[in-house]
Amino acid sequence: MIEYTQVKDEQKARIGLLLLLPPVCLVLGCTYLVNDEKVSAIGRYVSAELAPRLAAVTPRVRESADARGRLRRAFAEPFHAFGSTPAGPAAVPTSSAG
């Protein structure tokens, strides 16, 4: 009888862990998407606001698109079902100044 109660207690502990896993994953996923949105907003600000100002001060500014950022946002697309709205791919103009 003691062995039976030990096995049942172990099963309860495992079930508790399994029930805790989905909410933890959801919170971590939403946190990742919000962070990605903020980083994308910073990138858009840098490319839209700061790059033109810097170009006016310096003779040469070279901008490039972030391929990893686009891939990361493409990976996050399925998570839209959870109500999150990550920023879309930032439009980064390329200039061939110089």
PDB file of N, CA and C in Angstrom:
ATOM      1  N   MET A   1       0.812  -1.192   0.000  1.00  0.00           N
ATOM      2  CA  MET A   1       0.000   0.000   0.000  1.00  0.00           C
ATOM      3  C   MET A   1       0.865   1.270   0.000  1.00  0.00           C
ATOM      4  N   ILE A   2       1.983   1.255   0.668  1.00  0.00           N
ATOM      5  CA  ILE A   2       2.877   2.411   0.708  1.00  0.00           C
ATOM      6  C   ILE A   2       3.444   2.685  -0.679  1.00  0.00           C
ATOM      7  N   GLU A   3       3.815   1.621  -1.392  1.00  0.00           N
ATOM      8  CA  GLU A   3       4.347   1.773  -2.745  1.00  0.00           C
ATOM      9  C   GLU A   3       3.304   2.386  -3.668  1.00  0.00           C
ATOM     10  N   TYR A   4       2.064   1.977  -3.503  1.00  0.00           N
ATOM     11  CA  TYR A   4       0.972   2.516  -4.318  1.00  0.00           C
ATOM     12  C   TYR A   4       0.818   4.023  -4.100  1.00  0.00           C
ATOM     13  N   THR A   5       0.840   4.467  -2.858  1.00  0.00           N
ATOM     14  CA  THR A   5       0.696   5.898  -2.582  1.00  0.00           C
ATOM     15  C   THR A   5       1.899   6.684  -3.100  1.00  0.00           C
ATOM     16  N   GLN A   6       3.078   6.091  -3.063  1.00  0.00           N
ATOM     17  CA  GLN A   6       4.261   6.766  -3.601  1.00  0.00           C
ATOM     18  C   GLN A   6       4.136   6.947  -5.112  1.00  0.00           C
ATOM     19  N   VAL A   7       3.664   5.911  -5.803  1.00  0.00           N
ATOM     20  CA  VAL A   7       3.482   5.993  -7.250  1.00  0.00           C
ATOM     21  C   VAL A   7       2.420   7.040  -7.583  1.00  0.00           C
ATOM     22  N   LYS A   8       1.339   7.066  -6.838  1.00  0.00           N
ATOM     23  CA  LYS A   8       0.276   8.046  -7.077  1.00  0.00           C
ATOM     24  C   LYS A   8       0.776   9.470  -6.827  1.00  0.00           C
ATOM     25  N   ASP A   9       1.579   9.664  -5.798  1.00  0.00           N
ATOM     26  CA  ASP A   9       2.140  10.992  -5.529  1.00  0.00           C
ATOM     27  C   ASP A   9       3.061  11.431  -6.666  1.00  0.00           C
ATOM     28  N   GLU A  10       3.846  10.493  -7.179  1.00  0.00           N
ATOM     29  CA  GLU A  10       4.735  10.806  -8.298  1.00  0.00           C
ATOM     30  C   GLU A  10       3.919  11.178  -9.541  1.00  0.00           C
ATOM     31  N   GLN A  11       2.831  10.451  -9.781  1.00  0.00           N
ATOM     32  CA  GLN A  11       1.971  10.769 -10.914  1.00  0.00           C
ATOM     33  C   GLN A  11       1.353  12.154 -10.766  1.00  0.00           C
ATOM     34  N   LYS A  12       0.925  12.518  -9.568  1.00  0.00           N
ATOM     35  CA  LYS A  12       0.346  13.838  -9.337  1.00  0.00           C
ATOM     36  C   LYS A  12       1.372  14.935  -9.602  1.00  0.00           C
ATOM     37  N   ALA A  13       2.602  14.702  -9.191  1.00  0.00           N
ATOM     38  CA  ALA A  13       3.661  15.692  -9.429  1.00  0.00           C
ATOM     39  C   ALA A  13       3.918  15.862 -10.921  1.00  0.00           C
ATOM     40  N   ARG A  14       3.961  14.784 -11.668  1.00  0.00           N
ATOM     41  CA  ARG A  14       4.180  14.862 -13.116  1.00  0.00           C
ATOM     42  C   ARG A  14       3.020  15.551 -13.818  1.00  0.00           C
ATOM     43  N   ILE A  15       1.800  15.248 -13.410  1.00  0.00           N
ATOM     44  CA  ILE A  15       0.628  15.879 -14.016  1.00  0.00           C
ATOM     45  C   ILE A  15       0.652  17.381 -13.747  1.00  0.00           C
ATOM     46  N   GLY A  16       1.026  17.769 -12.538  1.00  0.00           N
ATOM     47  CA  GLY A  16       1.134  19.187 -12.212  1.00  0.00           C
ATOM     48  C   GLY A  16       2.144  19.894 -13.099  1.00  0.00           C
ATOM     49  N   LEU A  17       3.264  19.240 -13.349  1.00  0.00           N
ATOM     50  CA  LEU A  17       4.274  19.810 -14.240  1.00  0.00           C
ATOM     51  C   LEU A  17       3.739  19.946 -15.655  1.00  0.00           C
ATOM     52  N   LEU A  18       3.050  18.933 -16.131  1.00  0.00           N
ATOM     53  CA  LEU A  18       2.508  18.974 -17.489  1.00  0.00           C
ATOM     54  C   LEU A  18       1.429  20.045 -17.637  1.00  0.00           C
ATOM     55  N   LEU A  19       0.668  20.275 -16.591  1.00  0.00           N
ATOM     56  CA  LEU A  19      -0.359  21.316 -16.651  1.00  0.00           C
ATOM     57  C   LEU A  19       0.246  22.716 -16.579  1.00  0.00           C
ATOM     58  N   LEU A  20       1.417  22.837 -15.993  1.00  0.00           N
ATOM     59  CA  LEU A  20       2.076  24.129 -15.876  1.00  0.00           C
ATOM     60  C   LEU A  20       2.816  24.515 -17.158  1.00  0.00           C
ATOM     61  N   LEU A  21       3.196  23.550 -17.947  1.00  0.00           N
ATOM     62  CA  LEU A  21       4.008  23.804 -19.136  1.00  0.00           C
ATOM     63  C   LEU A  21       3.330  24.694 -20.189  1.00  0.00           C
ATOM     64  N   PRO A  22       2.080  24.477 -20.599  1.00  0.00           N
ATOM     65  CA  PRO A  22       1.476  25.338 -21.624  1.00  0.00           C
ATOM     66  C   PRO A  22       1.391  26.816 -21.239  1.00  0.00           C
ATOM     67  N   PRO A  23       0.953  27.169 -20.025  1.00  0.00           N
ATOM     68  CA  PRO A  23       0.922  28.611 -19.704  1.00  0.00           C
ATOM     69  C   PRO A  23       2.315  29.242 -19.683  1.00  0.00           C
ATOM     70  N   VAL A  24       3.299  28.506 -19.216  1.00  0.00           N
ATOM     71  CA  VAL A  24       4.666  29.035 -19.197  1.00  0.00           C
ATOM     72  C   VAL A  24       5.152  29.276 -20.623  1.00  0.00           C
ATOM     73  N   CYS A  25       4.889  28.335 -21.520  1.00  0.00           N
ATOM     74  CA  CYS A  25       5.298  28.498 -22.920  1.00  0.00           C
ATOM     75  C   CYS A  25       4.575  29.682 -23.565  1.00  0.00           C
ATOM     76  N   LEU A  26       3.316  29.862 -23.246  1.00  0.00           N
ATOM     77  CA  LEU A  26       2.556  30.979 -23.796  1.00  0.00           C
ATOM     78  C   LEU A  26       3.130  32.314 -23.326  1.00  0.00           C
ATOM     79  N   VAL A  27       3.438  32.402 -22.056  1.00  0.00           N
ATOM     80  CA  VAL A  27       4.005  33.646 -21.519  1.00  0.00           C
ATOM     81  C   VAL A  27       5.361  33.929 -22.153  1.00  0.00           C
ATOM     82  N   LEU A  28       6.196  32.917 -22.253  1.00  0.00           N
ATOM     83  CA  LEU A  28       7.514  33.117 -22.865  1.00  0.00           C
ATOM     84  C   LEU A  28       7.397  33.495 -24.343  1.00  0.00           C
ATOM     85  N   GLY A  29       6.477  32.867 -25.053  1.00  0.00           N
ATOM     86  CA  GLY A  29       6.281  33.188 -26.469  1.00  0.00           C
ATOM     87  C   GLY A  29       5.791  34.613 -26.666  1.00  0.00           C
ATOM     88  N   CYS A  30       4.834  35.040 -25.848  1.00  0.00           N
ATOM     89  CA  CYS A  30       4.329  36.414 -25.954  1.00  0.00           C
ATOM     90  C   CYS A  30       5.406  37.420 -25.586  1.00  0.00           C
ATOM     91  N   THR A  31       6.209  37.091 -24.586  1.00  0.00           N
ATOM     92  CA  THR A  31       7.308  37.976 -24.197  1.00  0.00           C
ATOM     93  C   THR A  31       8.299  38.124 -25.349  1.00  0.00           C
ATOM     94  N   TYR A  32       8.587  37.029 -26.021  1.00  0.00           N
ATOM     95  CA  TYR A  32       9.498  37.069 -27.169  1.00  0.00           C
ATOM     96  C   TYR A  32       8.934  37.962 -28.276  1.00  0.00           C
ATOM     97  N   LEU A  33       7.649  37.824 -28.560  1.00  0.00           N
ATOM     98  CA  LEU A  33       7.042  38.604 -29.642  1.00  0.00           C
ATOM     99  C   LEU A  33       6.985  40.091 -29.311  1.00  0.00           C
ATOM    100  N   VAL A  34       6.694  40.424 -28.061  1.00  0.00           N
ATOM    101  CA  VAL A  34       6.674  41.833 -27.666  1.00  0.00           C
ATOM    102  C   VAL A  34       8.077  42.417 -27.770  1.00  0.00           C
ATOM    103  N   ASN A  35       9.073  41.651 -27.332  1.00  0.00           N
ATOM    104  CA  ASN A  35      10.454  42.106 -27.439  1.00  0.00           C
ATOM    105  C   ASN A  35      10.835  42.311 -28.906  1.00  0.00           C
ATOM    106  N   ASP A  36      10.441  41.397 -29.769  1.00  0.00           N
ATOM    107  CA  ASP A  36      10.745  41.525 -31.191  1.00  0.00           C
ATOM    108  C   ASP A  36      10.091  42.774 -31.776  1.00  0.00           C
ATOM    109  N   GLU A  37       8.872  43.059 -31.337  1.00  0.00           N
ATOM    110  CA  GLU A  37       8.181  44.258 -31.816  1.00  0.00           C
ATOM    111  C   GLU A  37       8.941  45.521 -31.402  1.00  0.00           C
ATOM    112  N   LYS A  38       9.414  45.562 -30.172  1.00  0.00           N
ATOM    113  CA  LYS A  38      10.148  46.731 -29.689  1.00  0.00           C
ATOM    114  C   LYS A  38      11.475  46.893 -30.423  1.00  0.00           C
ATOM    115  N   VAL A  39      12.186  45.802 -30.628  1.00  0.00           N
ATOM    116  CA  VAL A  39      13.456  45.870 -31.348  1.00  0.00           C
ATOM    117  C   VAL A  39      13.226  46.316 -32.788  1.00  0.00           C
ATOM    118  N   SER A  40      12.159  45.835 -33.409  1.00  0.00           N
ATOM    119  CA  SER A  40      11.831  46.248 -34.777  1.00  0.00           C
ATOM    120  C   SER A  40      11.487  47.736 -34.830  1.00  0.00           C
ATOM    121  N   ALA A  41      10.773  48.221 -33.821  1.00  0.00           N
ATOM    122  CA  ALA A  41      10.437  49.644 -33.774  1.00  0.00           C
ATOM    123  C   ALA A  41      11.700  50.490 -33.649  1.00  0.00           C
ATOM    124  N   ILE A  42      12.646  50.037 -32.851  1.00  0.00           N
ATOM    125  CA  ILE A  42      13.921  50.752 -32.727  1.00  0.00           C
ATOM    126  C   ILE A  42      14.641  50.754 -34.069  1.00  0.00           C
ATOM    127  N   GLY A  43      14.627  49.620 -34.758  1.00  0.00           N
ATOM    128  CA  GLY A  43      15.268  49.538 -36.070  1.00  0.00           C
ATOM    129  C   GLY A  43      14.628  50.473 -37.083  1.00  0.00           C
ATOM    130  N   ARG A  44      13.296  50.543 -37.072  1.00  0.00           N
ATOM    131  CA  ARG A  44      12.604  51.459 -37.980  1.00  0.00           C
ATOM    132  C   ARG A  44      12.937  52.914 -37.656  1.00  0.00           C
ATOM    133  N   TYR A  45      13.017  53.233 -36.375  1.00  0.00           N
ATOM    134  CA  TYR A  45      13.367  54.594 -35.972  1.00  0.00           C
ATOM    135  C   TYR A  45      14.780  54.939 -36.431  1.00  0.00           C
ATOM    136  N   VAL A  46      15.690  54.021 -36.236  1.00  0.00           N
ATOM    137  CA  VAL A  46      17.073  54.280 -36.643  1.00  0.00           C
ATOM    138  C   VAL A  46      17.153  54.482 -38.146  1.00  0.00           C
ATOM    139  N   SER A  47      16.475  53.626 -38.914  1.00  0.00           N
ATOM    140  CA  SER A  47      16.579  53.742 -40.369  1.00  0.00           C
ATOM    141  C   SER A  47      15.772  54.910 -40.929  1.00  0.00           C
ATOM    142  N   ALA A  48      14.654  55.255 -40.297  1.00  0.00           N
ATOM    143  CA  ALA A  48      13.815  56.325 -40.831  1.00  0.00           C
ATOM    144  C   ALA A  48      14.193  57.706 -40.294  1.00  0.00           C
ATOM    145  N   GLU A  49      14.612  57.787 -39.051  1.00  0.00           N
ATOM    146  CA  GLU A  49      14.879  59.082 -38.434  1.00  0.00           C
ATOM    147  C   GLU A  49      16.374  59.397 -38.331  1.00  0.00           C
ATOM    148  N   LEU A  50      17.127  58.471 -37.782  1.00  0.00           N
ATOM    149  CA  LEU A  50      18.532  58.763 -37.515  1.00  0.00           C
ATOM    150  C   LEU A  50      19.424  58.669 -38.750  1.00  0.00           C
ATOM    151  N   ALA A  51      19.153  57.713 -39.620  1.00  0.00           N
ATOM    152  CA  ALA A  51      19.997  57.547 -40.813  1.00  0.00           C
ATOM    153  C   ALA A  51      19.974  58.789 -41.708  1.00  0.00           C
ATOM    154  N   PRO A  52      18.801  59.401 -41.985  1.00  0.00           N
ATOM    155  CA  PRO A  52      18.831  60.625 -42.798  1.00  0.00           C
ATOM    156  C   PRO A  52      19.611  61.764 -42.126  1.00  0.00           C
ATOM    157  N   ARG A  53      19.466  61.890 -40.809  1.00  0.00           N
ATOM    158  CA  ARG A  53      20.218  62.937 -40.105  1.00  0.00           C
ATOM    159  C   ARG A  53      21.721  62.667 -40.166  1.00  0.00           C
ATOM    160  N   LEU A  54      22.068  61.397 -39.987  1.00  0.00           N
ATOM    161  CA  LEU A  54      23.483  61.030 -40.048  1.00  0.00           C
ATOM    162  C   LEU A  54      24.029  61.227 -41.463  1.00  0.00           C
ATOM    163  N   ALA A  55      23.215  60.934 -42.451  1.00  0.00           N
ATOM    164  CA  ALA A  55      23.638  61.111 -43.842  1.00  0.00           C
ATOM    165  C   ALA A  55      23.891  62.582 -44.150  1.00  0.00           C
ATOM    166  N   ALA A  56      23.143  63.459 -43.507  1.00  0.00           N
ATOM    167  CA  ALA A  56      23.347  64.894 -43.729  1.00  0.00           C
ATOM    168  C   ALA A  56      24.648  65.370 -43.091  1.00  0.00           C
ATOM    169  N   VAL A  57      25.075  64.705 -42.041  1.00  0.00           N
ATOM    170  CA  VAL A  57      26.282  65.119 -41.325  1.00  0.00           C
ATOM    171  C   VAL A  57      27.534  64.444 -41.888  1.00  0.00           C
ATOM    172  N   THR A  58      27.417  63.180 -42.212  1.00  0.00           N
ATOM    173  CA  THR A  58      28.567  62.437 -42.729  1.00  0.00           C
ATOM    174  C   THR A  58      28.435  62.269 -44.236  1.00  0.00           C
ATOM    175  N   PRO A  59      29.526  62.125 -44.937  1.00  0.00           N
ATOM    176  CA  PRO A  59      29.451  62.015 -46.389  1.00  0.00           C
ATOM    177  C   PRO A  59      28.898  60.679 -46.876  1.00  0.00           C
ATOM    178  N   ARG A  60      28.920  59.650 -46.040  1.00  0.00           N
ATOM    179  CA  ARG A  60      28.553  58.329 -46.533  1.00  0.00           C
ATOM    180  C   ARG A  60      27.856  57.494 -45.462  1.00  0.00           C
ATOM    181  N   VAL A  61      26.688  56.979 -45.781  1.00  0.00           N
ATOM    182  CA  VAL A  61      25.976  56.080 -44.874  1.00  0.00           C
ATOM    183  C   VAL A  61      25.506  54.891 -45.687  1.00  0.00           C
ATOM    184  N   ARG A  62      25.849  53.701 -45.240  1.00  0.00           N
ATOM    185  CA  ARG A  62      25.429  52.491 -45.948  1.00  0.00           C
ATOM    186  C   ARG A  62      24.460  51.718 -45.065  1.00  0.00           C
ATOM    187  N   GLU A  63      23.285  51.443 -45.593  1.00  0.00           N
ATOM    188  CA  GLU A  63      22.267  50.710 -44.848  1.00  0.00           C
ATOM    189  C   GLU A  63      22.072  49.342 -45.495  1.00  0.00           C
ATOM    190  N   SER A  64      21.705  48.389 -44.701  1.00  0.00           N
ATOM    191  CA  SER A  64      21.435  47.056 -45.257  1.00  0.00           C
ATOM    192  C   SER A  64      20.241  46.441 -44.545  1.00  0.00           C
ATOM    193  N   ALA A  65      19.548  45.592 -45.250  1.00  0.00           N
ATOM    194  CA  ALA A  65      18.394  44.905 -44.679  1.00  0.00           C
ATOM    195  C   ALA A  65      18.866  43.806 -43.747  1.00  0.00           C
ATOM    196  N   ASP A  66      18.094  43.548 -42.717  1.00  0.00           N
ATOM    197  CA  ASP A  66      18.432  42.519 -41.748  1.00  0.00           C
ATOM    198  C   ASP A  66      17.716  41.225 -42.127  1.00  0.00           C
ATOM    199  N   ALA A  67      18.426  40.320 -42.763  1.00  0.00           N
ATOM    200  CA  ALA A  67      17.811  39.060 -43.215  1.00  0.00           C
ATOM    201  C   ALA A  67      17.382  38.216 -42.030  1.00  0.00           C
ATOM    202  N   ARG A  68      18.159  38.220 -40.955  1.00  0.00           N
ATOM    203  CA  ARG A  68      17.787  37.425 -39.779  1.00  0.00           C
ATOM    204  C   ARG A  68      16.498  37.936 -39.158  1.00  0.00           C
ATOM    205  N   GLY A  69      16.305  39.257 -39.140  1.00  0.00           N
ATOM    206  CA  GLY A  69      15.075  39.829 -38.582  1.00  0.00           C
ATOM    207  C   GLY A  69      13.857  39.401 -39.370  1.00  0.00           C
ATOM    208  N   ARG A  70      13.992  39.382 -40.693  1.00  0.00           N
ATOM    209  CA  ARG A  70      12.869  38.927 -41.521  1.00  0.00           C
ATOM    210  C   ARG A  70      12.565  37.464 -41.260  1.00  0.00           C
ATOM    211  N   LEU A  71      13.599  36.649 -41.127  1.00  0.00           N
ATOM    212  CA  LEU A  71      13.403  35.228 -40.846  1.00  0.00           C
ATOM    213  C   LEU A  71      12.751  35.046 -39.481  1.00  0.00           C
ATOM    214  N   ARG A  72      13.193  35.817 -38.491  1.00  0.00           N
ATOM    215  CA  ARG A  72      12.640  35.716 -37.144  1.00  0.00           C
ATOM    216  C   ARG A  72      11.158  36.089 -37.166  1.00  0.00           C
ATOM    217  N   ARG A  73      10.794  37.156 -37.886  1.00  0.00           N
ATOM    218  CA  ARG A  73       9.391  37.550 -37.943  1.00  0.00           C
ATOM    219  C   ARG A  73       8.562  36.532 -38.728  1.00  0.00           C
ATOM    220  N   ALA A  74       9.144  35.915 -39.740  1.00  0.00           N
ATOM    221  CA  ALA A  74       8.418  34.885 -40.486  1.00  0.00           C
ATOM    222  C   ALA A  74       8.147  33.685 -39.593  1.00  0.00           C
ATOM    223  N   PHE A  75       9.092  33.380 -38.709  1.00  0.00           N
ATOM    224  CA  PHE A  75       8.907  32.275 -37.770  1.00  0.00           C
ATOM    225  C   PHE A  75       7.794  32.599 -36.774  1.00  0.00           C
ATOM    226  N   ALA A  76       7.642  33.868 -36.423  1.00  0.00           N
ATOM    227  CA  ALA A  76       6.661  34.273 -35.418  1.00  0.00           C
ATOM    228  C   ALA A  76       5.251  34.383 -35.981  1.00  0.00           C
ATOM    229  N   GLU A  77       5.067  34.334 -37.282  1.00  0.00           N
ATOM    230  CA  GLU A  77       3.747  34.484 -37.889  1.00  0.00           C
ATOM    231  C   GLU A  77       2.693  33.535 -37.306  1.00  0.00           C
ATOM    232  N   PRO A  78       2.996  32.252 -37.075  1.00  0.00           N
ATOM    233  CA  PRO A  78       1.951  31.366 -36.537  1.00  0.00           C
ATOM    234  C   PRO A  78       1.448  31.795 -35.168  1.00  0.00           C
ATOM    235  N   PHE A  79       2.227  32.594 -34.426  1.00  0.00           N
ATOM    236  CA  PHE A  79       1.827  33.003 -33.086  1.00  0.00           C
ATOM    237  C   PHE A  79       0.782  34.110 -33.096  1.00  0.00           C
ATOM    238  N   HIS A  80       0.418  34.626 -34.267  1.00  0.00           N
ATOM    239  CA  HIS A  80      -0.623  35.643 -34.352  1.00  0.00           C
ATOM    240  C   HIS A  80      -1.942  35.092 -33.828  1.00  0.00           C
ATOM    241  N   ALA A  81      -2.111  33.795 -33.849  1.00  0.00           N
ATOM    242  CA  ALA A  81      -3.348  33.189 -33.363  1.00  0.00           C
ATOM    243  C   ALA A  81      -3.537  33.449 -31.875  1.00  0.00           C
ATOM    244  N   PHE A  82      -2.453  33.769 -31.159  1.00  0.00           N
ATOM    245  CA  PHE A  82      -2.544  34.019 -29.726  1.00  0.00           C
ATOM    246  C   PHE A  82      -2.873  35.473 -29.416  1.00  0.00           C
ATOM    247  N   GLY A  83      -3.146  36.266 -30.439  1.00  0.00           N
ATOM    248  CA  GLY A  83      -3.554  37.642 -30.216  1.00  0.00           C
ATOM    249  C   GLY A  83      -2.407  38.626 -30.174  1.00  0.00           C
ATOM    250  N   SER A  84      -1.211  38.182 -30.450  1.00  0.00           N
ATOM    251  CA  SER A  84      -0.075  39.092 -30.434  1.00  0.00           C
ATOM    252  C   SER A  84       0.081  39.720 -31.801  1.00  0.00           C
ATOM    253  N   THR A  85       0.615  40.925 -31.840  1.00  0.00           N
ATOM    254  CA  THR A  85       0.800  41.612 -33.106  1.00  0.00           C
ATOM    255  C   THR A  85       2.243  42.071 -33.240  1.00  0.00           C
ATOM    256  N   PRO A  86       3.140  41.159 -33.608  1.00  0.00           N
ATOM    257  CA  PRO A  86       4.519  41.580 -33.787  1.00  0.00           C
ATOM    258  C   PRO A  86       4.644  42.496 -34.996  1.00  0.00           C
ATOM    259  N   ALA A  87       5.632  43.328 -34.968  1.00  0.00           N
ATOM    260  CA  ALA A  87       5.841  44.269 -36.063  1.00  0.00           C
ATOM    261  C   ALA A  87       6.198  43.515 -37.332  1.00  0.00           C
ATOM    262  N   GLY A  88       5.728  44.019 -38.438  1.00  0.00           N
ATOM    263  CA  GLY A  88       6.051  43.418 -39.732  1.00  0.00           C
ATOM    264  C   GLY A  88       7.494  43.734 -40.114  1.00  0.00           C
ATOM    265  N   PRO A  89       7.945  43.203 -41.218  1.00  0.00           N
ATOM    266  CA  PRO A  89       9.321  43.461 -41.634  1.00  0.00           C
ATOM    267  C   PRO A  89       9.546  44.963 -41.834  1.00  0.00           C
ATOM    268  N   ALA A  90      10.598  45.450 -41.254  1.00  0.00           N
ATOM    269  CA  ALA A  90      10.902  46.878 -41.382  1.00  0.00           C
ATOM    270  C   ALA A  90      11.408  47.155 -42.789  1.00  0.00           C
ATOM    271  N   ALA A  91      10.894  48.204 -43.360  1.00  0.00           N
ATOM    272  CA  ALA A  91      11.355  48.606 -44.695  1.00  0.00           C
ATOM    273  C   ALA A  91      12.658  49.377 -44.522  1.00  0.00           C
ATOM    274  N   VAL A  92      13.741  48.751 -44.899  1.00  0.00           N
ATOM    275  CA  VAL A  92      15.036  49.383 -44.757  1.00  0.00           C
ATOM    276  C   VAL A  92      15.535  49.744 -46.138  1.00  0.00           C
ATOM    277  N   PRO A  93      15.567  51.036 -46.450  1.00  0.00           N
ATOM    278  CA  PRO A  93      16.040  51.421 -47.781  1.00  0.00           C
ATOM    279  C   PRO A  93      17.537  51.176 -47.910  1.00  0.00           C
ATOM    280  N   THR A  94      17.947  50.826 -49.083  1.00  0.00           N
ATOM    281  CA  THR A  94      19.377  50.658 -49.330  1.00  0.00           C
ATOM    282  C   THR A  94      19.832  51.827 -50.181  1.00  0.00           C
ATOM    283  N   SER A  95      20.959  52.373 -49.799  1.00  0.00           N
ATOM    284  CA  SER A  95      21.478  53.488 -50.574  1.00  0.00           C
ATOM    285  C   SER A  95      22.856  53.124 -51.099  1.00  0.00           C
ATOM    286  N   SER A  96      23.151  53.561 -52.253  1.00  0.00           N
ATOM    287  CA  SER A  96      24.471  53.290 -52.839  1.00  0.00           C
ATOM    288  C   SER A  96      25.221  54.603 -52.970  1.00  0.00           C
ATOM    289  N   ALA A  97      25.247  55.332 -51.877  1.00  0.00           N
ATOM    290  CA  ALA A  97      25.934  56.620 -51.875  1.00  0.00           C
ATOM    291  C   ALA A  97      27.438  56.403 -51.916  1.00  0.00           C
ATOM    292  N   GLY A  98      28.091  57.161 -52.687  1.00  0.00           N
ATOM    293  CA  GLY A  98      29.543  57.135 -52.630  1.00  0.00           C
ATOM    294  C   GLY A  98      30.106  56.498 -53.802  1.00  0.00           C
TER     295      GLY A  98
END
